[in-house]
Amino acid sequence: MSVIDVNTPSTEDMESLQRSQGATIKSKSTLVLLMKQRPLLLLGWALFFFGIPLASTIIGTLLLLLDLVIVLVRIYLLHQSVPGPTVSINIHHSKTRYTLVMFLLLVVWASAGGIVSKRPDIALPATFGLALVMVIFLFRAGDILWNDGWLLKRTMPFLVLGLLTAALYGIYASQVKGIARLRLIGHGPNGSGTALLISILLAWSYADLLANPWLKAGTRLTALAAIPSLLFTYSRGAWLGFAGGATSLVLSKRSNIIWILIGLLIIASVVALNPRLEQRARNIFSIKRNMDRVELWSVTTKLIPDHLLFGVGTAVFPHVYQDYSPRGNAMAFAHNFFLQALAEYGIPGFVLILAMVGMIIWTGCLLVRTKKWPLASGVLAAVIGTLIHQQVDNTIHGANLAGAFWFLCGFLLALDAALPNLNPDIRKPE
């Protein structure tokens, strides 16, 4: 009598196991190699993603900048080969090439404006700083897609960990410590709202890339758990931005509507238990309750005609605003992203920024419509949500959230360029 061993693997199972083991060995060797050769690259992206939900990306940004400098020195001065993503910009991709041209023109124009500015000592360093942030994220965001998304798989989970930290801290700070408006590490309440809306939308779509059902469910629950923290910032602009971004997600994938309804249930429950939240929500569209914004925009429109060509210079807005304010008070920014760009860079600089952002949104819309890649939906939703918020604020003007915003824009460009060649293991369609 023959005995059949039902536990004996088939030839197909053996081949699958060997491929899996080979991929694991390759992954481990890649990790060891980068830890030895480019530890700042791994640590920089991990801390950047961890810092986005906490509105604090400075450390991650500095590490990525330092890694870029070291790689350039090793390649061009020491003539060494360096593992990991290359430092070249993909000028063969038409949208990236056009964005690069507009970026260079903007830097040149902003530098010229800084020279003739009231405060060149502020305008020129600020222009240089903004240019560095955009170089690192607008043109280096594609690094995380290197080697079929190797870096993406290993660093983006830190976004979920950071979001979980922000969710727990938000509940503790507001309900236990009694803080009136939630402030995260690197920003005030409004900036914290921007950071949370970006992180929730990104984490939500990132879950669609996860094969493990437990990790997928945990990521989704973390995103839902962070919604009360977003509410506790009392940032009405961030609430509107989140609503716009969530709507974008529903339009791109209808199955999201179930989870959106769960999110609405959470919002309704939290608001019902906090009368201050309800009162705050009622004032969103009240002109009387928002006269500070109306006055700010009115004063800004008065200073713009006097600086139509070059603008007042990067980050010089508060020093010029005071001259036009009827009360003589200073104001850090115009509480409107595009109005600020017009004030600081003049009409030519404003047109360049508008063209760059417009091209990126158009690219994202094409990605979502034609490729149906889940993470593209979340990134586009985060860009849309952030820009909605920036119509009544300017939280991405500072270094902490500027990096996050330009990363979102750069990732859409990089994804558009890389999708045709990405391994199906990463390019997971709906």
Protein backbone atom coordinates (compact mmCIF):
# COMPACT_ATOMS: atom_id res chain seq x y z
CA MET A 1 0.00 0.00 0.00
CA SER A 2 1.42 3.35 -0.99
CA VAL A 3 1.53 6.27 1.37
CA ILE A 4 0.81 9.75 0.05
CA ASP A 5 2.48 12.57 1.96
CA VAL A 6 0.03 15.47 1.64
CA ASN A 7 2.63 17.83 3.13
CA THR A 8 5.12 17.30 0.33
CA PRO A 9 5.32 20.56 -1.67
CA SER A 10 4.70 20.54 -5.38
CA THR A 11 7.25 21.69 -7.95
CA GLU A 12 5.39 25.01 -8.33
CA ASP A 13 5.41 25.49 -4.56
CA MET A 14 9.14 24.82 -4.44
CA GLU A 15 9.83 27.32 -7.22
CA SER A 16 7.65 29.93 -5.47
CA LEU A 17 9.46 29.30 -2.20
CA GLN A 18 12.86 29.64 -3.88
CA ARG A 19 11.83 32.93 -5.50
CA SER A 20 10.57 34.17 -2.14
CA GLN A 21 13.78 33.13 -0.39
CA GLY A 22 15.85 34.73 -3.16
CA ALA A 23 13.92 37.99 -2.80
CA THR A 24 14.38 37.88 0.98
CA ILE A 25 18.13 37.33 0.66
CA LYS A 26 18.37 40.15 -1.88
CA SER A 27 16.35 42.42 0.39
CA LYS A 28 18.59 41.67 3.36
CA SER A 29 21.75 42.22 1.34
CA THR A 30 20.37 45.53 0.02
CA LEU A 31 19.52 46.64 3.55
CA VAL A 32 23.00 45.74 4.83
CA LEU A 33 24.63 47.50 1.88
CA LEU A 34 22.67 50.73 2.35
CA MET A 35 23.16 50.66 6.12
CA LYS A 36 26.90 50.55 5.52
CA GLN A 37 27.10 52.89 2.53
CA ARG A 38 24.13 55.27 2.88
CA PRO A 39 22.61 55.10 6.36
CA LEU A 40 21.50 58.74 6.15
CA LEU A 41 19.27 57.89 3.19
CA LEU A 42 17.35 55.26 5.13
CA LEU A 43 17.23 57.23 8.36
CA GLY A 44 16.33 60.45 6.55
CA TRP A 45 13.29 59.01 4.77
CA ALA A 46 12.17 57.10 7.85
CA LEU A 47 12.31 60.22 10.05
CA PHE A 48 10.73 62.35 7.33
CA PHE A 49 7.70 60.05 7.10
CA PHE A 50 7.53 59.69 10.88
CA GLY A 51 7.68 63.47 11.22
CA ILE A 52 4.91 64.37 8.76
CA PRO A 53 2.04 63.48 11.16
CA LEU A 54 3.87 65.35 13.93
CA ALA A 55 4.41 68.43 11.70
CA SER A 56 8.17 68.09 12.21
CA THR A 57 10.21 67.03 9.19
CA ILE A 58 13.33 69.18 9.70
CA ILE A 59 15.59 66.39 10.98
CA GLY A 60 14.65 64.01 8.18
CA THR A 61 15.12 66.79 5.62
CA LEU A 62 18.60 67.65 6.93
CA LEU A 63 19.66 64.00 6.84
CA LEU A 64 18.47 63.65 3.25
CA LEU A 65 20.30 66.84 2.29
CA LEU A 66 23.47 65.59 3.98
CA ASP A 67 23.17 62.25 2.18
CA LEU A 68 22.83 64.08 -1.15
CA VAL A 69 25.95 66.17 -0.47
CA ILE A 70 27.97 63.11 0.55
CA VAL A 71 26.90 61.19 -2.55
CA LEU A 72 27.83 64.12 -4.83
CA VAL A 73 31.27 64.36 -3.20
CA ARG A 74 31.87 60.63 -3.49
CA ILE A 75 30.79 60.49 -7.13
CA TYR A 76 32.29 63.66 -8.58
CA LEU A 77 35.32 64.28 -6.34
CA LEU A 78 36.33 60.82 -5.16
CA HIS A 79 35.05 59.01 -8.26
CA GLN A 80 33.45 56.23 -6.23
CA SER A 81 30.44 54.13 -7.09
CA VAL A 82 27.57 54.63 -4.65
CA PRO A 83 24.68 52.19 -4.11
CA GLY A 84 21.07 53.25 -3.95
CA PRO A 85 19.12 55.80 -5.99
CA THR A 86 21.07 57.88 -8.49
CA VAL A 87 21.34 61.64 -7.99
CA SER A 88 20.33 62.55 -11.54
CA ILE A 89 17.04 64.24 -12.45
CA ASN A 90 14.91 62.40 -14.99
CA ILE A 91 14.88 65.05 -17.73
CA HIS A 92 13.68 62.42 -20.23
CA HIS A 93 10.28 62.62 -18.53
CA SER A 94 8.61 65.62 -20.16
CA LYS A 95 6.61 66.78 -17.12
CA THR A 96 9.70 66.61 -14.89
CA ARG A 97 11.70 68.53 -17.48
CA TYR A 98 9.08 71.28 -17.75
CA THR A 99 8.84 71.48 -13.95
CA LEU A 100 12.62 71.77 -13.70
CA VAL A 101 12.68 74.65 -16.17
CA MET A 102 9.93 76.48 -14.28
CA PHE A 103 11.71 75.83 -10.98
CA LEU A 104 15.00 77.27 -12.25
CA LEU A 105 13.23 80.33 -13.63
CA LEU A 106 11.47 80.81 -10.29
CA VAL A 107 14.74 80.59 -8.36
CA VAL A 108 16.40 83.11 -10.68
CA TRP A 109 13.43 85.47 -10.47
CA ALA A 110 13.14 85.14 -6.68
CA SER A 111 16.88 85.79 -6.34
CA ALA A 112 16.60 88.94 -8.46
CA GLY A 113 13.64 90.00 -6.34
CA GLY A 114 15.66 89.30 -3.21
CA ILE A 115 18.45 91.61 -4.37
CA VAL A 116 16.08 94.56 -4.85
CA SER A 117 14.01 93.63 -1.79
CA LYS A 118 13.60 95.77 1.30
CA ARG A 119 15.35 93.00 3.25
CA PRO A 120 17.81 91.14 0.98
CA ASP A 121 19.41 89.69 4.11
CA ILE A 122 16.18 87.73 4.61
CA ALA A 123 15.01 87.24 1.03
CA LEU A 124 18.17 85.68 -0.44
CA PRO A 125 18.80 83.06 2.29
CA ALA A 126 15.08 82.21 2.33
CA THR A 127 15.09 81.75 -1.46
CA PHE A 128 18.11 79.48 -1.18
CA GLY A 129 16.43 77.48 1.60
CA LEU A 130 13.22 77.04 -0.39
CA ALA A 131 15.25 75.96 -3.42
CA LEU A 132 17.00 73.28 -1.33
CA VAL A 133 13.70 71.95 -0.01
CA MET A 134 12.29 71.75 -3.53
CA VAL A 135 15.43 70.05 -4.86
CA ILE A 136 15.28 67.40 -2.14
CA PHE A 137 11.58 66.64 -2.43
CA LEU A 138 10.18 67.93 -5.73
CA PHE A 139 12.98 66.29 -7.70
CA ARG A 140 14.17 63.54 -5.30
CA ALA A 141 10.79 62.13 -4.22
CA GLY A 142 11.23 59.36 -6.78
CA ASP A 143 14.09 57.94 -4.69
CA ILE A 144 11.59 55.94 -2.65
CA LEU A 145 10.51 54.13 -5.85
CA TRP A 146 14.08 52.92 -6.42
CA ASN A 147 14.51 49.18 -6.95
CA ASP A 148 10.79 48.52 -7.42
CA GLY A 149 9.77 50.55 -4.39
CA TRP A 150 12.33 49.06 -2.01
CA LEU A 151 12.62 52.30 -0.01
CA LEU A 152 8.87 52.92 -0.11
CA LYS A 153 8.16 49.55 1.49
CA ARG A 154 10.64 50.11 4.31
CA THR A 155 10.22 53.76 5.18
CA MET A 156 6.56 54.63 4.61
CA PRO A 157 5.40 52.40 7.51
CA PHE A 158 6.97 55.06 9.74
CA LEU A 159 4.22 57.44 8.55
CA VAL A 160 1.69 55.09 10.12
CA LEU A 161 3.71 54.94 13.35
CA GLY A 162 3.92 58.73 13.43
CA LEU A 163 0.19 59.01 12.79
CA LEU A 164 -0.55 56.58 15.62
CA THR A 165 1.64 58.71 17.91
CA ALA A 166 -0.21 61.87 16.86
CA ALA A 167 -3.58 60.17 17.35
CA LEU A 168 -2.77 59.05 20.89
CA TYR A 169 -1.16 62.35 21.84
CA GLY A 170 -4.09 64.33 20.44
CA ILE A 171 -6.56 62.51 22.66
CA TYR A 172 -4.29 62.82 25.70
CA ALA A 173 -3.52 66.52 25.15
CA SER A 174 -7.13 67.58 24.59
CA GLN A 175 -9.04 65.26 26.89
CA VAL A 176 -6.57 64.73 29.74
CA LYS A 177 -4.41 67.85 29.79
CA GLY A 178 -7.24 70.09 28.57
CA ILE A 179 -5.23 71.90 25.88
CA ALA A 180 -7.57 74.25 24.02
CA ARG A 181 -6.13 73.62 20.55
CA LEU A 182 -3.87 70.72 19.67
CA ARG A 183 -0.31 71.67 18.78
CA LEU A 184 2.06 69.02 17.50
CA ILE A 185 5.85 69.10 17.71
CA GLY A 186 6.77 71.32 14.80
CA HIS A 187 3.79 73.62 14.26
CA GLY A 188 0.85 75.48 15.75
CA PRO A 189 -2.77 74.30 15.55
CA ASN A 190 -3.29 75.21 11.88
CA GLY A 191 -0.06 73.59 10.76
CA SER A 192 -0.88 70.55 12.88
CA GLY A 193 -4.19 70.34 11.02
CA THR A 194 -2.37 70.35 7.68
CA ALA A 195 0.03 67.64 8.86
CA LEU A 196 -2.81 65.42 10.06
CA LEU A 197 -4.99 65.78 6.96
CA ILE A 198 -2.00 64.86 4.77
CA SER A 199 -1.07 61.89 6.95
CA ILE A 200 -4.59 60.48 7.27
CA LEU A 201 -5.16 60.57 3.51
CA LEU A 202 -1.73 59.12 2.75
CA ALA A 203 -2.07 56.33 5.32
CA TRP A 204 -5.52 55.50 3.99
CA SER A 205 -4.33 54.93 0.44
CA TYR A 206 -1.09 53.28 1.61
CA ALA A 207 -3.25 50.55 3.15
CA ASP A 208 -4.36 49.56 -0.35
CA LEU A 209 -0.77 48.57 -1.15
CA LEU A 210 -0.51 46.16 1.79
CA ALA A 211 -1.10 42.49 1.12
CA ASN A 212 -1.32 41.43 4.77
CA PRO A 213 -4.99 41.88 5.84
CA TRP A 214 -4.00 42.59 9.45
CA LEU A 215 -1.55 45.32 8.46
CA LYS A 216 -4.13 46.74 6.06
CA ALA A 217 -6.81 46.84 8.77
CA GLY A 218 -4.37 48.27 11.33
CA THR A 219 -3.35 51.06 8.96
CA ARG A 220 -6.98 51.93 8.22
CA LEU A 221 -7.86 51.95 11.93
CA THR A 222 -4.88 54.20 12.65
CA ALA A 223 -6.10 56.66 10.02
CA LEU A 224 -9.58 56.66 11.55
CA ALA A 225 -8.16 57.02 15.06
CA ALA A 226 -6.32 60.20 14.01
CA ILE A 227 -9.51 61.99 12.94
CA PRO A 228 -10.31 63.21 16.51
CA SER A 229 -6.82 64.74 16.70
CA LEU A 230 -7.53 66.60 13.47
CA LEU A 231 -10.74 67.92 15.02
CA PHE A 232 -8.94 68.92 18.22
CA THR A 233 -6.69 71.31 16.29
CA TYR A 234 -9.84 73.46 15.79
CA SER A 235 -8.36 74.36 12.40
CA ARG A 236 -11.41 75.04 10.24
CA GLY A 237 -9.32 75.29 7.10
CA ALA A 238 -7.81 71.87 7.79
CA TRP A 239 -11.31 70.44 8.28
CA LEU A 240 -12.36 71.80 4.89
CA GLY A 241 -9.16 70.49 3.32
CA PHE A 242 -9.72 67.05 4.77
CA ALA A 243 -13.29 67.05 3.48
CA GLY A 244 -12.06 67.96 0.00
CA GLY A 245 -9.32 65.33 0.06
CA ALA A 246 -11.70 62.64 1.33
CA THR A 247 -14.14 63.53 -1.45
CA SER A 248 -11.33 63.11 -3.97
CA LEU A 249 -10.63 59.63 -2.56
CA VAL A 250 -14.28 58.62 -2.90
CA LEU A 251 -14.40 59.83 -6.50
CA SER A 252 -11.28 57.83 -7.35
CA LYS A 253 -12.43 54.63 -5.63
CA ARG A 254 -16.09 54.20 -4.69
CA SER A 255 -15.40 51.45 -2.15
CA ASN A 256 -13.86 54.15 0.05
CA ILE A 257 -17.34 55.54 0.70
CA ILE A 258 -17.96 52.89 3.38
CA TRP A 259 -14.91 53.99 5.33
CA ILE A 260 -15.76 57.64 4.75
CA LEU A 261 -19.13 57.00 6.34
CA ILE A 262 -17.35 55.47 9.33
CA GLY A 263 -15.17 58.57 9.47
CA LEU A 264 -18.25 60.79 9.41
CA LEU A 265 -19.71 58.76 12.26
CA ILE A 266 -16.53 59.34 14.28
CA ILE A 267 -16.66 63.07 13.52
CA ALA A 268 -20.33 63.30 14.51
CA SER A 269 -19.65 61.46 17.78
CA VAL A 270 -16.68 63.63 18.73
CA VAL A 271 -18.51 66.85 17.85
CA ALA A 272 -21.58 65.75 19.84
CA LEU A 273 -19.40 65.28 22.91
CA ASN A 274 -17.61 68.63 22.45
CA PRO A 275 -19.94 71.65 22.10
CA ARG A 276 -16.93 73.90 21.37
CA LEU A 277 -16.25 71.90 18.22
CA GLU A 278 -19.84 72.35 17.07
CA GLN A 279 -19.67 76.09 17.69
CA ARG A 280 -16.36 76.30 15.84
CA ALA A 281 -17.81 74.42 12.88
CA ARG A 282 -20.79 76.79 12.70
CA ASN A 283 -18.41 79.73 12.21
CA ILE A 284 -16.55 78.32 9.20
CA PHE A 285 -18.38 80.46 6.63
CA SER A 286 -19.24 83.40 8.90
CA ILE A 287 -17.70 86.62 7.57
CA LYS A 288 -18.18 88.28 10.94
CA ARG A 289 -16.20 85.54 12.69
CA ASN A 290 -13.44 85.68 10.08
CA MET A 291 -12.83 89.42 9.84
CA ASP A 292 -9.17 88.90 10.73
CA ARG A 293 -8.69 87.02 7.44
CA VAL A 294 -10.71 89.61 5.50
CA GLU A 295 -8.55 92.44 6.87
CA LEU A 296 -5.37 90.50 6.13
CA TRP A 297 -6.34 89.80 2.53
CA SER A 298 -7.46 93.41 2.06
CA VAL A 299 -4.12 94.80 3.26
CA THR A 300 -2.22 92.29 1.11
CA THR A 301 -4.07 93.36 -2.02
CA LYS A 302 -3.00 96.94 -1.27
CA LEU A 303 0.72 96.13 -1.13
CA ILE A 304 0.77 93.91 -4.22
CA PRO A 305 0.32 96.73 -6.84
CA ASP A 306 3.48 98.41 -5.53
CA HIS A 307 5.52 95.22 -6.06
CA LEU A 308 4.03 93.70 -9.21
CA LEU A 309 7.31 92.84 -10.94
CA PHE A 310 9.58 91.21 -8.36
CA GLY A 311 7.35 91.09 -5.31
CA VAL A 312 8.60 91.92 -1.83
CA GLY A 313 11.01 88.98 -1.68
CA THR A 314 10.89 85.51 -0.15
CA ALA A 315 9.86 85.62 3.54
CA VAL A 316 9.90 89.46 3.56
CA PHE A 317 6.09 89.70 3.59
CA PRO A 318 5.75 90.45 7.35
CA HIS A 319 8.23 93.33 7.13
CA VAL A 320 6.33 95.00 4.28
CA TYR A 321 2.82 94.19 5.51
CA GLN A 322 3.41 96.32 8.58
CA ASP A 323 3.88 99.41 6.39
CA TYR A 324 0.42 98.95 4.84
CA SER A 325 -1.51 97.78 7.89
CA PRO A 326 -3.84 100.48 9.29
CA ARG A 327 -2.91 99.31 12.79
CA GLY A 328 0.79 99.00 11.99
CA ASN A 329 0.88 95.38 13.08
CA ALA A 330 3.09 92.70 11.56
CA MET A 331 1.71 89.50 10.04
CA ALA A 332 3.79 86.43 9.27
CA PHE A 333 2.04 85.50 6.03
CA ALA A 334 -1.00 86.26 3.88
CA HIS A 335 -3.07 83.23 4.96
CA ASN A 336 -3.45 82.32 1.30
CA PHE A 337 -0.81 80.37 -0.62
CA PHE A 338 -1.35 82.00 -4.00
CA LEU A 339 -1.84 85.49 -2.60
CA GLN A 340 1.44 85.06 -0.72
CA ALA A 341 3.19 83.93 -3.91
CA LEU A 342 1.90 86.98 -5.77
CA ALA A 343 3.05 89.28 -2.96
CA GLU A 344 6.53 87.74 -2.60
CA TYR A 345 7.43 86.91 -6.22
CA GLY A 346 5.40 89.35 -8.31
CA ILE A 347 3.33 88.38 -11.32
CA PRO A 348 6.09 86.36 -13.13
CA GLY A 349 6.88 84.30 -10.03
CA PHE A 350 3.20 83.79 -9.30
CA VAL A 351 2.59 82.50 -12.84
CA LEU A 352 5.51 80.06 -12.51
CA ILE A 353 4.24 78.64 -9.22
CA LEU A 354 0.69 78.44 -10.54
CA ALA A 355 1.93 76.61 -13.64
CA MET A 356 4.00 74.14 -11.60
CA VAL A 357 1.21 73.29 -9.18
CA GLY A 358 -1.32 73.13 -12.01
CA MET A 359 0.80 70.70 -14.01
CA ILE A 360 1.30 68.49 -10.96
CA ILE A 361 -2.43 68.34 -10.18
CA TRP A 362 -3.16 67.56 -13.83
CA THR A 363 -0.53 64.79 -13.73
CA GLY A 364 -2.11 63.37 -10.58
CA CYS A 365 -5.58 63.41 -12.12
CA LEU A 366 -4.31 61.53 -15.19
CA LEU A 367 -2.58 58.98 -12.95
CA VAL A 368 -5.71 58.33 -10.94
CA ARG A 369 -7.97 58.18 -14.00
CA THR A 370 -5.80 55.99 -16.23
CA LYS A 371 -3.56 53.96 -13.91
CA LYS A 372 -5.87 53.43 -10.94
CA TRP A 373 -2.90 53.13 -8.58
CA PRO A 374 -4.13 53.46 -4.96
CA LEU A 375 -1.25 55.49 -3.58
CA ALA A 376 -1.60 57.99 -6.42
CA SER A 377 -5.18 58.58 -5.29
CA GLY A 378 -4.06 59.30 -1.74
CA VAL A 379 -1.20 61.59 -2.77
CA LEU A 380 -3.47 63.56 -5.10
CA ALA A 381 -6.12 63.76 -2.37
CA ALA A 382 -3.48 65.08 0.06
CA VAL A 383 -2.35 67.73 -2.46
CA ILE A 384 -5.95 68.83 -3.09
CA GLY A 385 -6.75 68.87 0.63
CA THR A 386 -3.62 70.85 1.44
CA LEU A 387 -4.30 73.45 -1.24
CA ILE A 388 -7.89 73.86 -0.05
CA HIS A 389 -6.54 74.59 3.42
CA GLN A 390 -3.98 77.01 1.98
CA GLN A 391 -6.73 79.25 0.65
CA VAL A 392 -7.31 80.44 4.21
CA ASP A 393 -3.86 79.74 5.63
CA ASN A 394 -0.24 79.30 4.58
CA THR A 395 1.09 76.52 6.75
CA ILE A 396 3.28 75.10 3.97
CA HIS A 397 5.31 78.32 3.96
CA GLY A 398 7.51 77.03 6.79
CA ALA A 399 10.26 74.44 6.31
CA ASN A 400 8.51 71.66 8.27
CA LEU A 401 5.46 71.42 6.02
CA ALA A 402 7.03 72.82 2.85
CA GLY A 403 8.98 69.58 2.57
CA ALA A 404 5.82 67.51 3.00
CA PHE A 405 3.89 69.47 0.36
CA TRP A 406 6.65 69.44 -2.26
CA PHE A 407 7.23 65.74 -1.59
CA LEU A 408 3.60 65.08 -2.51
CA CYS A 409 4.02 67.07 -5.71
CA GLY A 410 7.33 65.43 -6.57
CA PHE A 411 5.99 61.95 -5.89
CA LEU A 412 3.19 62.42 -8.43
CA LEU A 413 5.76 63.42 -11.05
CA ALA A 414 8.05 60.52 -10.15
CA LEU A 415 5.17 58.05 -10.17
CA ASP A 416 4.07 59.24 -13.60
CA ALA A 417 7.59 58.64 -14.90
CA ALA A 418 8.16 55.29 -13.15
CA LEU A 419 4.82 53.46 -13.38
CA PRO A 420 5.44 51.85 -16.80
CA ASN A 421 8.60 50.17 -15.43
CA LEU A 422 7.53 49.39 -11.88
CA ASN A 423 7.34 45.77 -10.78
CA PRO A 424 3.72 44.56 -10.53
CA ASP A 425 4.44 43.81 -6.89
CA ILE A 426 4.45 47.57 -6.29
CA ARG A 427 2.21 48.76 -9.11
CA LYS A 428 -0.91 47.21 -7.67
CA PRO A 429 -4.01 48.16 -9.68
CA GLU A 430 -7.53 48.22 -8.26
